[in-house]
Amino acid sequence: MKEKSPSALSINSCISQTDKLYHYGIQGMVGGLIEFMSLSFLELFYSQLLDTTEPRGNLSSANWSVINYQYVKCIPLKRILKRFRLTHINYFILDVEGSELDVLNSIDWSYTTFDILCIETEARLRLENYPEKVESFLIEKGYSLISSSQGRNSWYKNNNFVPIPKPGLNVERCWNGAQRIAFNESC
């Protein structure tokens, strides 16, 4: 990324609504904050942890030594966005294995706006009525559901967003707003 997009911003951080330590589980190709995973997700990927809980699913009684995890400190996304003065984002993808709503709650919506949001809301491995909760939250923030049938994702559009049909089409060194490789400057 540094070579191809030297001015791009990359931040590796755990995001949550509040500053807190969480258990980040690592099970094969599936990782995420265990405290935000639905019971069905835990049954599928972390059943050995659930077997140690009483009643089943009560993580405060879990024997954490039976799984591979690490503690991670999470911070609100609004802190990062404000630190880098990011008041507008064109396209935002959110896929965090069940804690999407918590991340959305960590944003200062009066400070940062988004044009398009792509959020994983697959109901099968999320809490009950999860897609509806995400949709209700975003409608309140000024966004409309575009599609909820694109794989595991739901797509939302800012109610004030007006797409540009073919940006940069008449610029010689650009194609639809993208820099051509032969040119070493932005469009």
N, C-alpha and C. Protein backbone atom coordinates (compact mmCIF):
# COMPACT_ATOMS: atom_id res chain seq x y z
N MET A 1 0.83 -1.19 0.00
CA MET A 1 0.00 0.00 0.00
C MET A 1 0.87 1.25 0.00
N LYS A 2 1.97 1.23 0.75
CA LYS A 2 2.84 2.40 0.80
C LYS A 2 3.43 2.72 -0.57
N GLU A 3 3.69 1.68 -1.37
CA GLU A 3 4.26 1.90 -2.69
C GLU A 3 3.21 2.42 -3.67
N LYS A 4 2.04 1.80 -3.71
CA LYS A 4 1.00 2.16 -4.68
C LYS A 4 0.19 3.38 -4.27
N SER A 5 0.00 3.57 -2.96
CA SER A 5 -0.81 4.69 -2.46
C SER A 5 -0.11 5.32 -1.26
N PRO A 6 0.98 6.05 -1.51
CA PRO A 6 1.77 6.57 -0.39
C PRO A 6 1.02 7.55 0.50
N SER A 7 -0.04 8.17 0.01
CA SER A 7 -0.77 9.11 0.85
C SER A 7 -1.98 8.47 1.54
N ALA A 8 -2.16 7.16 1.35
CA ALA A 8 -3.28 6.46 1.97
C ALA A 8 -3.05 6.33 3.47
N LEU A 9 -4.12 6.34 4.21
CA LEU A 9 -4.06 6.21 5.66
C LEU A 9 -4.44 4.78 6.05
N SER A 10 -3.59 4.12 6.79
CA SER A 10 -3.86 2.76 7.26
C SER A 10 -3.68 2.73 8.77
N ILE A 11 -4.72 2.30 9.46
CA ILE A 11 -4.67 2.23 10.92
C ILE A 11 -5.11 0.84 11.34
N ASN A 12 -4.29 0.17 12.12
CA ASN A 12 -4.65 -1.13 12.67
C ASN A 12 -5.09 -0.91 14.10
N SER A 13 -6.37 -1.10 14.34
CA SER A 13 -6.90 -0.85 15.67
C SER A 13 -8.15 -1.67 15.89
N CYS A 14 -8.42 -1.97 17.13
CA CYS A 14 -9.67 -2.62 17.51
C CYS A 14 -10.68 -1.52 17.82
N ILE A 15 -11.85 -1.62 17.24
CA ILE A 15 -12.87 -0.58 17.38
C ILE A 15 -14.03 -1.10 18.21
N SER A 16 -14.47 -0.27 19.15
CA SER A 16 -15.62 -0.58 19.98
C SER A 16 -16.24 0.73 20.43
N GLN A 17 -17.44 0.64 20.95
CA GLN A 17 -18.15 1.83 21.40
C GLN A 17 -17.43 2.50 22.57
N THR A 18 -16.76 1.72 23.40
CA THR A 18 -16.07 2.27 24.56
C THR A 18 -14.64 1.73 24.64
N ASP A 19 -13.79 2.43 25.37
CA ASP A 19 -12.44 1.93 25.64
C ASP A 19 -12.58 0.73 26.55
N LYS A 20 -12.14 -0.42 26.08
CA LYS A 20 -12.31 -1.63 26.88
C LYS A 20 -11.41 -2.74 26.34
N LEU A 21 -11.04 -3.66 27.21
CA LEU A 21 -10.33 -4.86 26.80
C LEU A 21 -11.35 -5.95 26.44
N TYR A 22 -11.12 -6.61 25.30
CA TYR A 22 -11.98 -7.70 24.86
C TYR A 22 -11.12 -8.91 24.52
N HIS A 23 -11.76 -10.06 24.41
CA HIS A 23 -11.10 -11.29 23.97
C HIS A 23 -11.23 -11.37 22.45
N TYR A 24 -10.08 -11.36 21.77
CA TYR A 24 -10.07 -11.54 20.32
C TYR A 24 -9.76 -13.01 20.06
N GLY A 25 -10.76 -13.73 19.60
CA GLY A 25 -10.59 -15.15 19.33
C GLY A 25 -10.03 -15.40 17.95
N ILE A 26 -9.19 -16.42 17.84
CA ILE A 26 -8.57 -16.77 16.57
C ILE A 26 -8.83 -18.26 16.35
N GLN A 27 -9.72 -18.57 15.44
CA GLN A 27 -10.11 -19.95 15.18
C GLN A 27 -10.03 -20.17 13.67
N GLY A 28 -8.91 -20.71 13.20
CA GLY A 28 -8.73 -20.90 11.77
C GLY A 28 -8.74 -19.56 11.06
N MET A 29 -9.59 -19.41 10.08
CA MET A 29 -9.70 -18.17 9.32
C MET A 29 -10.70 -17.20 9.93
N VAL A 30 -11.30 -17.57 11.08
CA VAL A 30 -12.33 -16.74 11.69
C VAL A 30 -11.80 -16.14 12.98
N GLY A 31 -11.74 -14.82 13.00
CA GLY A 31 -11.32 -14.13 14.20
C GLY A 31 -12.29 -13.01 14.50
N GLY A 32 -12.35 -12.61 15.74
CA GLY A 32 -13.22 -11.50 16.10
C GLY A 32 -13.36 -11.39 17.59
N LEU A 33 -14.06 -10.35 18.02
CA LEU A 33 -14.30 -10.11 19.43
C LEU A 33 -15.38 -11.08 19.92
N ILE A 34 -14.99 -11.97 20.78
CA ILE A 34 -15.89 -13.03 21.22
C ILE A 34 -17.11 -12.47 21.94
N GLU A 35 -16.94 -11.42 22.71
CA GLU A 35 -18.06 -10.84 23.46
C GLU A 35 -19.20 -10.35 22.56
N PHE A 36 -18.93 -10.11 21.27
CA PHE A 36 -19.96 -9.62 20.35
C PHE A 36 -20.50 -10.70 19.43
N MET A 37 -19.99 -11.91 19.53
CA MET A 37 -20.45 -12.98 18.65
C MET A 37 -21.77 -13.55 19.16
N SER A 38 -22.65 -13.88 18.23
CA SER A 38 -23.93 -14.48 18.60
C SER A 38 -23.70 -15.90 19.10
N LEU A 39 -24.67 -16.42 19.81
CA LEU A 39 -24.57 -17.78 20.32
C LEU A 39 -24.40 -18.78 19.17
N SER A 40 -25.12 -18.57 18.06
CA SER A 40 -25.01 -19.50 16.92
C SER A 40 -23.61 -19.43 16.30
N PHE A 41 -23.01 -18.25 16.27
CA PHE A 41 -21.64 -18.10 15.76
C PHE A 41 -20.66 -18.81 16.69
N LEU A 42 -20.85 -18.60 17.99
CA LEU A 42 -20.00 -19.27 18.97
C LEU A 42 -20.15 -20.78 18.90
N GLU A 43 -21.36 -21.27 18.72
CA GLU A 43 -21.60 -22.71 18.60
C GLU A 43 -20.84 -23.28 17.40
N LEU A 44 -20.81 -22.52 16.31
CA LEU A 44 -20.17 -22.98 15.09
C LEU A 44 -18.64 -22.96 15.19
N PHE A 45 -18.08 -21.90 15.76
CA PHE A 45 -16.63 -21.73 15.74
C PHE A 45 -15.95 -21.86 17.11
N TYR A 46 -16.67 -21.70 18.19
CA TYR A 46 -16.07 -21.71 19.53
C TYR A 46 -16.86 -22.58 20.50
N SER A 47 -17.33 -23.73 20.04
CA SER A 47 -18.15 -24.60 20.90
C SER A 47 -17.37 -25.08 22.11
N GLN A 48 -16.05 -25.29 21.96
CA GLN A 48 -15.25 -25.74 23.09
C GLN A 48 -15.24 -24.70 24.22
N LEU A 49 -15.32 -23.43 23.88
CA LEU A 49 -15.42 -22.38 24.91
C LEU A 49 -16.80 -22.42 25.56
N LEU A 50 -17.83 -22.56 24.73
CA LEU A 50 -19.19 -22.62 25.27
C LEU A 50 -19.38 -23.80 26.21
N ASP A 51 -18.70 -24.90 25.93
CA ASP A 51 -18.80 -26.09 26.79
C ASP A 51 -18.33 -25.81 28.21
N THR A 52 -17.56 -24.75 28.41
CA THR A 52 -17.04 -24.43 29.75
C THR A 52 -17.91 -23.42 30.49
N THR A 53 -18.99 -22.95 29.85
CA THR A 53 -19.80 -21.89 30.47
C THR A 53 -21.03 -22.46 31.17
N GLU A 54 -21.46 -21.76 32.19
CA GLU A 54 -22.67 -22.17 32.95
C GLU A 54 -23.40 -20.92 33.41
N PRO A 55 -24.63 -20.72 32.98
CA PRO A 55 -25.32 -21.46 31.91
C PRO A 55 -24.61 -21.25 30.57
N ARG A 56 -24.92 -22.13 29.64
CA ARG A 56 -24.26 -22.09 28.32
C ARG A 56 -24.42 -20.71 27.70
N GLY A 57 -23.28 -20.12 27.35
CA GLY A 57 -23.29 -18.79 26.74
C GLY A 57 -22.92 -17.68 27.70
N ASN A 58 -22.87 -17.97 28.99
CA ASN A 58 -22.48 -16.96 29.98
C ASN A 58 -20.96 -16.86 29.99
N LEU A 59 -20.42 -15.90 29.24
CA LEU A 59 -18.97 -15.81 29.05
C LEU A 59 -18.23 -15.43 30.33
N SER A 60 -18.93 -14.89 31.31
CA SER A 60 -18.24 -14.55 32.57
C SER A 60 -17.80 -15.82 33.31
N SER A 61 -18.37 -16.97 32.96
CA SER A 61 -17.98 -18.22 33.59
C SER A 61 -17.05 -19.06 32.71
N ALA A 62 -16.60 -18.51 31.59
CA ALA A 62 -15.82 -19.27 30.61
C ALA A 62 -14.41 -19.59 31.10
N ASN A 63 -13.94 -20.74 30.68
CA ASN A 63 -12.54 -21.13 30.88
C ASN A 63 -11.82 -20.76 29.58
N TRP A 64 -11.23 -19.58 29.54
CA TRP A 64 -10.64 -19.04 28.32
C TRP A 64 -9.42 -19.83 27.85
N SER A 65 -8.85 -20.65 28.70
CA SER A 65 -7.64 -21.38 28.32
C SER A 65 -7.90 -22.46 27.26
N VAL A 66 -9.17 -22.76 26.97
CA VAL A 66 -9.47 -23.82 26.01
C VAL A 66 -9.44 -23.33 24.56
N ILE A 67 -9.27 -22.01 24.35
CA ILE A 67 -9.23 -21.48 22.98
C ILE A 67 -8.00 -20.60 22.80
N ASN A 68 -7.70 -20.32 21.56
CA ASN A 68 -6.62 -19.41 21.21
C ASN A 68 -7.22 -18.00 21.14
N TYR A 69 -6.74 -17.11 22.00
CA TYR A 69 -7.24 -15.74 22.00
C TYR A 69 -6.14 -14.82 22.50
N GLN A 70 -6.39 -13.54 22.33
CA GLN A 70 -5.53 -12.53 22.93
C GLN A 70 -6.41 -11.37 23.37
N TYR A 71 -5.96 -10.67 24.39
CA TYR A 71 -6.66 -9.46 24.81
C TYR A 71 -6.34 -8.34 23.84
N VAL A 72 -7.35 -7.58 23.47
CA VAL A 72 -7.13 -6.40 22.64
C VAL A 72 -7.86 -5.22 23.28
N LYS A 73 -7.21 -4.06 23.24
CA LYS A 73 -7.85 -2.85 23.74
C LYS A 73 -8.53 -2.17 22.56
N CYS A 74 -9.80 -1.90 22.72
CA CYS A 74 -10.57 -1.26 21.67
C CYS A 74 -10.81 0.21 22.02
N ILE A 75 -10.95 1.02 20.98
CA ILE A 75 -11.26 2.44 21.14
C ILE A 75 -12.39 2.80 20.19
N PRO A 76 -13.12 3.87 20.46
CA PRO A 76 -14.19 4.31 19.55
C PRO A 76 -13.62 4.80 18.22
N LEU A 77 -14.31 4.49 17.13
CA LEU A 77 -13.89 4.93 15.80
C LEU A 77 -13.88 6.46 15.70
N LYS A 78 -14.78 7.12 16.42
CA LYS A 78 -14.81 8.59 16.35
C LYS A 78 -13.48 9.20 16.77
N ARG A 79 -12.77 8.58 17.66
CA ARG A 79 -11.47 9.10 18.09
C ARG A 79 -10.47 9.10 16.94
N ILE A 80 -10.46 8.02 16.17
CA ILE A 80 -9.56 7.93 15.01
C ILE A 80 -9.97 8.93 13.93
N LEU A 81 -11.26 8.96 13.64
CA LEU A 81 -11.75 9.86 12.59
C LEU A 81 -11.45 11.32 12.93
N LYS A 82 -11.63 11.69 14.17
CA LYS A 82 -11.34 13.07 14.58
C LYS A 82 -9.85 13.34 14.60
N ARG A 83 -9.07 12.38 15.05
CA ARG A 83 -7.61 12.56 15.11
C ARG A 83 -7.05 12.89 13.74
N PHE A 84 -7.59 12.28 12.68
CA PHE A 84 -7.10 12.50 11.33
C PHE A 84 -8.01 13.44 10.54
N ARG A 85 -8.93 14.09 11.23
CA ARG A 85 -9.84 15.08 10.64
C ARG A 85 -10.60 14.52 9.43
N LEU A 86 -11.08 13.29 9.58
CA LEU A 86 -11.84 12.65 8.52
C LEU A 86 -13.32 12.97 8.70
N THR A 87 -13.75 14.00 8.00
CA THR A 87 -15.13 14.44 8.12
C THR A 87 -16.03 13.83 7.06
N HIS A 88 -15.43 13.23 6.03
CA HIS A 88 -16.25 12.61 4.98
C HIS A 88 -15.52 11.39 4.41
N ILE A 89 -16.28 10.30 4.24
CA ILE A 89 -15.77 9.07 3.66
C ILE A 89 -16.71 8.66 2.54
N ASN A 90 -16.15 8.41 1.36
CA ASN A 90 -16.99 8.05 0.22
C ASN A 90 -17.58 6.66 0.34
N TYR A 91 -16.73 5.68 0.66
CA TYR A 91 -17.16 4.29 0.65
C TYR A 91 -16.59 3.60 1.88
N PHE A 92 -17.45 3.00 2.68
CA PHE A 92 -17.06 2.41 3.96
C PHE A 92 -17.56 0.98 4.03
N ILE A 93 -16.66 0.03 4.25
CA ILE A 93 -17.02 -1.38 4.40
C ILE A 93 -16.83 -1.77 5.86
N LEU A 94 -17.84 -2.41 6.44
CA LEU A 94 -17.77 -2.82 7.83
C LEU A 94 -18.14 -4.30 7.95
N ASP A 95 -17.15 -5.11 8.32
CA ASP A 95 -17.33 -6.55 8.48
C ASP A 95 -16.47 -6.96 9.66
N VAL A 96 -17.08 -7.06 10.84
CA VAL A 96 -16.33 -7.34 12.06
C VAL A 96 -16.96 -8.45 12.89
N GLU A 97 -17.49 -9.46 12.21
CA GLU A 97 -17.97 -10.69 12.84
C GLU A 97 -18.94 -10.48 13.99
N GLY A 98 -19.92 -9.61 13.79
CA GLY A 98 -20.99 -9.48 14.77
C GLY A 98 -20.96 -8.23 15.62
N SER A 99 -19.87 -7.45 15.54
CA SER A 99 -19.84 -6.22 16.36
C SER A 99 -20.04 -4.97 15.50
N GLU A 100 -20.65 -5.13 14.34
CA GLU A 100 -20.89 -4.00 13.44
C GLU A 100 -21.70 -2.89 14.11
N LEU A 101 -22.74 -3.27 14.82
CA LEU A 101 -23.59 -2.26 15.46
C LEU A 101 -22.82 -1.51 16.55
N ASP A 102 -21.96 -2.20 17.25
CA ASP A 102 -21.14 -1.54 18.26
C ASP A 102 -20.19 -0.53 17.60
N VAL A 103 -19.59 -0.90 16.47
CA VAL A 103 -18.72 0.02 15.75
C VAL A 103 -19.51 1.22 15.25
N LEU A 104 -20.70 0.98 14.69
CA LEU A 104 -21.53 2.09 14.22
C LEU A 104 -21.86 3.05 15.37
N ASN A 105 -22.08 2.51 16.54
CA ASN A 105 -22.36 3.35 17.71
C ASN A 105 -21.14 4.12 18.19
N SER A 106 -19.96 3.75 17.71
CA SER A 106 -18.73 4.43 18.14
C SER A 106 -18.37 5.61 17.24
N ILE A 107 -19.21 5.90 16.25
CA ILE A 107 -18.96 6.98 15.30
C ILE A 107 -19.72 8.23 15.74
N ASP A 108 -19.08 9.38 15.61
CA ASP A 108 -19.75 10.67 15.82
C ASP A 108 -20.35 11.08 14.48
N TRP A 109 -21.62 10.79 14.29
CA TRP A 109 -22.29 10.99 13.01
C TRP A 109 -22.48 12.47 12.67
N SER A 110 -22.33 13.34 13.64
CA SER A 110 -22.41 14.77 13.35
C SER A 110 -21.06 15.31 12.85
N TYR A 111 -19.99 14.53 13.04
CA TYR A 111 -18.66 14.94 12.61
C TYR A 111 -18.28 14.32 11.27
N THR A 112 -18.57 13.03 11.09
CA THR A 112 -18.18 12.30 9.87
C THR A 112 -19.42 11.84 9.12
N THR A 113 -19.43 12.09 7.81
CA THR A 113 -20.50 11.59 6.96
C THR A 113 -19.92 10.56 5.99
N PHE A 114 -20.79 9.73 5.46
CA PHE A 114 -20.41 8.68 4.53
C PHE A 114 -21.35 8.76 3.32
N ASP A 115 -20.85 8.44 2.14
CA ASP A 115 -21.73 8.37 0.96
C ASP A 115 -22.42 7.00 0.93
N ILE A 116 -21.61 5.96 0.91
CA ILE A 116 -22.11 4.58 0.81
C ILE A 116 -21.50 3.75 1.92
N LEU A 117 -22.35 2.94 2.56
CA LEU A 117 -21.90 2.01 3.60
C LEU A 117 -22.26 0.59 3.17
N CYS A 118 -21.30 -0.31 3.27
CA CYS A 118 -21.52 -1.73 3.01
C CYS A 118 -21.25 -2.45 4.33
N ILE A 119 -22.30 -3.03 4.91
CA ILE A 119 -22.19 -3.60 6.25
C ILE A 119 -22.63 -5.05 6.24
N GLU A 120 -21.78 -5.92 6.80
CA GLU A 120 -22.19 -7.33 6.89
C GLU A 120 -23.29 -7.45 7.94
N THR A 121 -24.42 -7.99 7.52
CA THR A 121 -25.58 -8.13 8.42
C THR A 121 -26.19 -9.52 8.32
N GLU A 122 -25.45 -10.47 7.81
CA GLU A 122 -25.98 -11.82 7.65
C GLU A 122 -26.65 -12.28 8.95
N ALA A 123 -27.94 -12.51 8.89
CA ALA A 123 -28.73 -12.83 10.08
C ALA A 123 -28.37 -14.17 10.70
N ARG A 124 -27.96 -15.12 9.89
CA ARG A 124 -27.71 -16.49 10.37
C ARG A 124 -26.71 -16.53 11.52
N LEU A 125 -25.68 -15.69 11.48
CA LEU A 125 -24.64 -15.73 12.49
C LEU A 125 -24.59 -14.45 13.32
N ARG A 126 -25.69 -13.76 13.39
CA ARG A 126 -25.76 -12.52 14.16
C ARG A 126 -26.87 -12.64 15.20
N LEU A 127 -26.93 -11.66 16.08
CA LEU A 127 -28.00 -11.63 17.08
C LEU A 127 -29.36 -11.52 16.40
N GLU A 128 -30.41 -11.86 17.11
CA GLU A 128 -31.76 -11.83 16.56
C GLU A 128 -32.12 -10.44 16.05
N ASN A 129 -32.72 -10.37 14.87
CA ASN A 129 -33.16 -9.13 14.21
C ASN A 129 -32.01 -8.17 13.94
N TYR A 130 -30.82 -8.69 13.76
CA TYR A 130 -29.64 -7.84 13.57
C TYR A 130 -29.76 -6.93 12.34
N PRO A 131 -30.12 -7.45 11.16
CA PRO A 131 -30.24 -6.55 10.00
C PRO A 131 -31.24 -5.41 10.24
N GLU A 132 -32.33 -5.72 10.90
CA GLU A 132 -33.34 -4.70 11.18
C GLU A 132 -32.82 -3.65 12.17
N LYS A 133 -32.02 -4.08 13.14
CA LYS A 133 -31.45 -3.15 14.11
C LYS A 133 -30.45 -2.21 13.44
N VAL A 134 -29.63 -2.75 12.55
CA VAL A 134 -28.67 -1.92 11.82
C VAL A 134 -29.42 -0.93 10.94
N GLU A 135 -30.43 -1.42 10.22
CA GLU A 135 -31.21 -0.55 9.34
C GLU A 135 -31.89 0.57 10.11
N SER A 136 -32.51 0.24 11.22
CA SER A 136 -33.18 1.25 12.05
C SER A 136 -32.18 2.30 12.54
N PHE A 137 -31.02 1.85 12.97
CA PHE A 137 -29.98 2.76 13.45
C PHE A 137 -29.56 3.73 12.34
N LEU A 138 -29.32 3.19 11.13
CA LEU A 138 -28.84 4.04 10.05
C LEU A 138 -29.92 4.95 9.49
N ILE A 139 -31.16 4.52 9.49
CA ILE A 139 -32.25 5.39 9.06
C ILE A 139 -32.31 6.62 9.96
N GLU A 140 -32.13 6.39 11.24
CA GLU A 140 -32.12 7.50 12.21
C GLU A 140 -30.96 8.47 11.95
N LYS A 141 -29.88 7.97 11.36
CA LYS A 141 -28.70 8.80 11.08
C LYS A 141 -28.76 9.46 9.70
N GLY A 142 -29.82 9.19 8.92
CA GLY A 142 -29.97 9.84 7.61
C GLY A 142 -29.53 9.00 6.43
N TYR A 143 -29.63 7.68 6.56
CA TYR A 143 -29.22 6.78 5.49
C TYR A 143 -30.40 5.91 5.08
N SER A 144 -30.40 5.49 3.81
CA SER A 144 -31.45 4.62 3.28
C SER A 144 -30.86 3.30 2.84
N LEU A 145 -31.62 2.24 3.05
CA LEU A 145 -31.20 0.92 2.59
C LEU A 145 -31.30 0.87 1.08
N ILE A 146 -30.19 0.50 0.43
CA ILE A 146 -30.18 0.32 -1.03
C ILE A 146 -30.51 -1.12 -1.35
N SER A 147 -29.83 -2.04 -0.65
CA SER A 147 -30.02 -3.46 -0.92
C SER A 147 -29.61 -4.28 0.30
N SER A 148 -30.39 -5.29 0.59
CA SER A 148 -30.04 -6.21 1.67
C SER A 148 -29.84 -7.62 1.13
N SER A 149 -29.71 -7.73 -0.18
CA SER A 149 -29.61 -9.06 -0.78
C SER A 149 -28.30 -9.27 -1.52
N GLN A 150 -27.27 -8.52 -1.18
CA GLN A 150 -25.97 -8.66 -1.82
C GLN A 150 -25.08 -9.56 -0.97
N GLY A 151 -25.24 -10.85 -1.10
CA GLY A 151 -24.47 -11.78 -0.30
C GLY A 151 -24.82 -11.64 1.17
N ARG A 152 -23.82 -11.44 2.00
CA ARG A 152 -24.04 -11.30 3.44
C ARG A 152 -24.16 -9.84 3.86
N ASN A 153 -24.14 -8.92 2.89
CA ASN A 153 -24.07 -7.50 3.19
C ASN A 153 -25.36 -6.75 2.91
N SER A 154 -25.52 -5.66 3.64
CA SER A 154 -26.56 -4.68 3.37
C SER A 154 -25.86 -3.39 2.96
N TRP A 155 -26.45 -2.70 1.99
CA TRP A 155 -25.85 -1.48 1.45
C TRP A 155 -26.76 -0.30 1.78
N TYR A 156 -26.14 0.79 2.20
CA TYR A 156 -26.86 2.00 2.59
C TYR A 156 -26.28 3.20 1.87
N LYS A 157 -27.14 4.18 1.62
CA LYS A 157 -26.75 5.41 0.94
C LYS A 157 -27.15 6.60 1.80
N ASN A 158 -26.26 7.57 1.92
CA ASN A 158 -26.57 8.81 2.61
C ASN A 158 -27.70 9.48 1.83
N ASN A 159 -28.73 9.94 2.52
CA ASN A 159 -29.88 10.56 1.85
C ASN A 159 -29.48 11.81 1.07
N ASN A 160 -28.34 12.42 1.37
CA ASN A 160 -27.87 13.63 0.67
C ASN A 160 -26.86 13.31 -0.43
N PHE A 161 -26.53 12.05 -0.62
CA PHE A 161 -25.52 11.67 -1.61
C PHE A 161 -26.11 11.68 -3.01
N VAL A 162 -25.38 12.37 -3.95
CA VAL A 162 -25.76 12.38 -5.35
C VAL A 162 -24.56 11.84 -6.13
N PRO A 163 -24.68 10.64 -6.70
CA PRO A 163 -23.55 10.06 -7.41
C PRO A 163 -23.23 10.82 -8.70
N ILE A 164 -21.97 10.83 -9.07
CA ILE A 164 -21.52 11.41 -10.33
C ILE A 164 -21.41 10.26 -11.31
N PRO A 165 -22.13 10.32 -12.45
CA PRO A 165 -22.21 9.17 -13.34
C PRO A 165 -20.87 8.67 -13.89
N LYS A 166 -20.00 9.56 -14.38
CA LYS A 166 -18.72 9.13 -14.93
C LYS A 166 -17.66 10.17 -14.60
N PRO A 167 -17.18 10.17 -13.36
CA PRO A 167 -16.20 11.19 -12.98
C PRO A 167 -14.90 11.03 -13.75
N GLY A 168 -14.33 12.16 -14.19
CA GLY A 168 -13.03 12.15 -14.84
C GLY A 168 -13.01 11.61 -16.25
N LEU A 169 -14.16 11.39 -16.86
CA LEU A 169 -14.21 10.76 -18.18
C LEU A 169 -13.49 11.57 -19.24
N ASN A 170 -13.54 12.91 -19.15
CA ASN A 170 -12.93 13.75 -20.17
C ASN A 170 -11.49 14.14 -19.84
N VAL A 171 -10.93 13.58 -18.81
CA VAL A 171 -9.55 13.89 -18.46
C VAL A 171 -8.66 12.85 -19.13
N GLU A 172 -7.69 13.32 -19.94
CA GLU A 172 -6.89 12.43 -20.78
C GLU A 172 -6.19 11.32 -20.00
N ARG A 173 -5.58 11.66 -18.86
CA ARG A 173 -4.78 10.67 -18.15
C ARG A 173 -5.60 9.81 -17.19
N CYS A 174 -6.90 10.00 -17.15
CA CYS A 174 -7.75 9.27 -16.21
C CYS A 174 -8.82 8.50 -16.95
N TRP A 175 -9.32 7.48 -16.29
CA TRP A 175 -10.47 6.74 -16.80
C TRP A 175 -11.47 6.62 -15.66
N ASN A 176 -12.62 7.24 -15.80
CA ASN A 176 -13.66 7.24 -14.77
C ASN A 176 -13.11 7.63 -13.40
N GLY A 177 -12.22 8.62 -13.39
CA GLY A 177 -11.71 9.14 -12.13
C GLY A 177 -10.52 8.41 -11.58
N ALA A 178 -10.08 7.31 -12.22
CA ALA A 178 -8.95 6.55 -11.73
C ALA A 178 -7.70 6.94 -12.49
N GLN A 179 -6.60 7.02 -11.80
CA GLN A 179 -5.33 7.38 -12.41
C GLN A 179 -4.84 6.25 -13.31
N ARG A 180 -4.39 6.58 -14.50
CA ARG A 180 -3.80 5.58 -15.36
C ARG A 180 -2.38 5.29 -14.86
N ILE A 181 -1.96 4.06 -14.95
CA ILE A 181 -0.66 3.65 -14.44
C ILE A 181 0.49 4.38 -15.12
N ALA A 182 0.35 4.72 -16.40
CA ALA A 182 1.42 5.38 -17.14
C ALA A 182 1.72 6.78 -16.61
N PHE A 183 0.81 7.36 -15.85
CA PHE A 183 1.01 8.70 -15.31
C PHE A 183 1.32 8.60 -13.83
N ASN A 184 2.23 9.40 -13.39
CA ASN A 184 2.65 9.34 -12.00
C ASN A 184 2.12 10.54 -11.22
N GLU A 185 0.91 10.91 -11.48
CA GLU A 185 0.29 12.01 -10.75
C GLU A 185 -1.20 11.74 -10.63
N SER A 186 -1.84 12.42 -9.71
CA SER A 186 -3.28 12.17 -9.50
C SER A 186 -4.10 12.89 -10.56
N CYS A 187 -5.34 12.46 -10.72
CA CYS A 187 -6.23 13.02 -11.75
C CYS A 187 -6.70 14.40 -11.40
